[in-house]
Structures are given as C-alpha cells and as structure tokens.
Amino acid sequence: MKTLDLIFREVDHDTFDRIKRGEKLIETRAGLPEYNEIVAGDQLNISCGNDTITKPVIEALHFKNVEGL
C-alpha cells in the first residue's frame, strides 16, 4: 500500500467538497506515470487550498486513451 497526493485547484473546490461528502465516488486523471501506479488498497491524500482529506482506493482502472473510457 502506498499513499499518493492529489491536488485540486481552488476553483475546483466544489468537486473536492463532493468527494469529501462521499457524493463523488469516481475521480479520473490523465494517464501520467504516477497515476498509472495507483492500485486498490492505496490511500489518496486529496487537498484543495488548506483542506485535506484521506480516502482509500477501492478500485483503479487504467485506460490507454480517452476513447477507452
């Protein structure tokens, strides 16, 4: 298990708040190398401005391109 940091821009605080409240359960990220290594059981430290929460990764799916989503 590893812990990774995800940072939301302040303008996306509404999305961060939805994750915090458990309303948004799925987060997508561009296929950068550090995101491709995320697996179930990892922890995500998600921050936006001065707020930070920690959430577990339940499932991680990786796609080669947007069309594969």
Protein backbone atom coordinates (compact mmCIF):
# COMPACT_ATOMS: atom_id res chain seq x y z
CA MET A 1 0.00 0.00 0.00
CA LYS A 2 1.22 3.46 -0.80
CA THR A 3 -0.08 6.96 -0.21
CA LEU A 4 -0.32 9.45 -3.06
CA ASP A 5 -1.18 13.14 -3.12
CA LEU A 6 -3.88 14.55 -5.39
CA ILE A 7 -4.19 18.32 -5.54
CA PHE A 8 -7.29 20.17 -6.70
CA ARG A 9 -7.12 23.78 -7.81
CA GLU A 10 -9.02 26.20 -5.60
CA VAL A 11 -11.50 26.84 -8.45
CA ASP A 12 -12.44 23.13 -8.23
CA HIS A 13 -13.29 23.27 -4.52
CA ASP A 14 -16.87 22.20 -5.28
CA THR A 15 -15.56 18.91 -6.71
CA PHE A 16 -13.31 18.44 -3.67
CA ASP A 17 -16.31 19.05 -1.38
CA ARG A 18 -18.37 16.44 -3.25
CA ILE A 19 -15.58 13.88 -2.76
CA LYS A 20 -15.33 14.85 0.91
CA ARG A 21 -19.08 14.32 1.43
CA GLY A 22 -18.99 10.98 -0.41
CA GLU A 23 -21.17 12.23 -3.27
CA LYS A 24 -18.46 11.85 -5.91
CA LEU A 25 -17.00 8.35 -5.86
CA ILE A 26 -15.06 8.31 -9.13
CA GLU A 27 -12.11 10.53 -9.99
CA THR A 28 -10.35 10.46 -13.35
CA ARG A 29 -6.81 11.62 -14.00
CA ALA A 30 -4.64 11.85 -17.10
CA GLY A 31 -2.51 8.74 -17.63
CA LEU A 32 0.67 10.14 -16.11
CA PRO A 33 3.14 7.55 -14.81
CA GLU A 34 2.44 8.29 -11.14
CA TYR A 35 -1.30 7.78 -11.65
CA ASN A 36 -0.83 4.54 -13.60
CA GLU A 37 0.74 3.00 -10.49
CA ILE A 38 -2.37 3.52 -8.33
CA VAL A 39 -3.94 0.24 -7.23
CA ALA A 40 -6.76 -0.86 -4.93
CA GLY A 41 -5.69 -0.54 -1.30
CA ASP A 42 -3.64 2.63 -1.83
CA GLN A 43 -4.53 5.79 0.08
CA LEU A 44 -5.08 9.20 -1.53
CA ASN A 45 -4.36 12.44 0.30
CA ILE A 46 -6.65 14.82 -1.56
CA SER A 47 -6.13 18.51 -0.99
CA CYS A 48 -7.68 21.76 -2.14
CA GLY A 49 -6.44 25.01 -0.67
CA ASN A 50 -5.98 24.44 3.08
CA ASP A 51 -8.32 21.41 3.20
CA THR A 52 -7.03 17.83 3.04
CA ILE A 53 -8.83 14.50 3.30
CA THR A 54 -7.62 10.92 3.00
CA LYS A 55 -9.60 8.37 1.03
CA PRO A 56 -8.90 4.71 0.21
CA VAL A 57 -8.68 3.48 -3.37
CA ILE A 58 -11.36 0.80 -3.74
CA GLU A 59 -10.72 0.06 -7.42
CA ALA A 60 -8.33 1.50 -10.01
CA LEU A 61 -8.94 1.19 -13.74
CA HIS A 62 -6.35 2.27 -16.29
CA PHE A 63 -7.14 3.15 -19.91
CA LYS A 64 -4.73 3.75 -22.78
CA ASN A 65 -6.73 6.70 -24.12
CA VAL A 66 -9.92 8.71 -23.65
CA GLU A 67 -11.77 6.61 -26.20
CA GLY A 68 -11.22 3.58 -23.99
CA LEU A 69 -13.16 5.05 -21.08
